Amino acid sequence: MMPLYIYVAACSLAMAIPLVLWSLGGLRAGRAVPAVRFESRDTDLRKVVLAQSSSERLVEPTMEALANQARRVTPKGIRDTLERRISHAGFAGRLTLDGLLVIKMALAGIVAGFGGLIWLLSPSVAGFVVTAVLSVALWFLPDLLLSGRASERQQRIGEELPELLDQMTVSVEAGLGFEAALARVVEEGGSAASEEFGWAHQDIRLGVSRENALMRVVDRSTSADLKHFVLALSQAERLGVPLASVLRVLADEMRERRRVLAQERAMKVPAKLVFPLVLCIMPALFVAILGPSLVSLFDKGFL
């Protein structure tokens, strides 16, 4: 077991990394002067700065410096992909690209600093390799988690869409307009699809046209069913087709598509079970069946 001072030094180094990066960023870009309304010539800048909260004076500049450093080492194509995944995962408004980059750099930096300190105390090739691998793995870990969350959410949207269309169909047939039916679906809430429709309803209330608001929903999603719904709705609006009939047909089509996809997944299950059966279950079964017989043969001298 390593001495206690090694852990203390590693924690100190991990806490010092953000401050060092913040200072380097400040040397390059200079300090951002807060927007202050000077009411007299005798205003004390020190009092103005100290009047800010500790978060504004320390945490926010540190996070901004870390985000700037992470942006420099992240290609633009990857940044665009991460922004789309944040939107697909439903984190728009709660998680920004800078926040994600700060999380990535913090995870990788802490492991790299802790592993580097241990390597300096007891240098070894294995320790260096393990530290490098763990740092790279933790750098990409948020990307993998975000990608999995985005795929799961887009799949949920496709599964929840038929029920939401049924609710909209009932509302429209009861005499409500499309915006009122959309608002009723949003009020029900509790699903990823209703959350996406909530963004569309908010855009419509702000003055965006219905078609553009729905196209923004398509841009924020990768669900093929949602895209099919928006395109069919736009075409029906241009041709003058009754909205309730379009919604009912779309709901039936998506429900049938969901049933076919479920059947396809069920048919793939036997093929997926072959490898666990051969690699995990069959060896244990052979040992349980042939084991006593082999022991008896060894005792009797046949083997």
Foldseek 3Di string as FASTA:
>chain_A
DDDPVLVVVLVVQLVCVLVVLLVVVCVVPNDDDDDDDDPDPPDDVVVVLVVDDPCVNPVVSSLVSQLVVLVVVDDPVVLVVVQLLCLLLVCVVPDDSSNLSSQLCSQLVSLLSSLVSVCVVPPDPVSVVVSVVRSVCSNCVVVVVSNVSSVVQLVQLLVCVLVLLVQLLVVVVVPDDNLVSLVVSLVVDDHSNSVLSVQLSVVVVVPDDNLVSLVVSVSSHDHPLSVVLSVQQVVCVVVVPDPSVSSVVSSVVSVVVVVVVVVVVVVCVVVVVPVCCVPPVVVVVCCVVCVVVVVVCVVVVVD
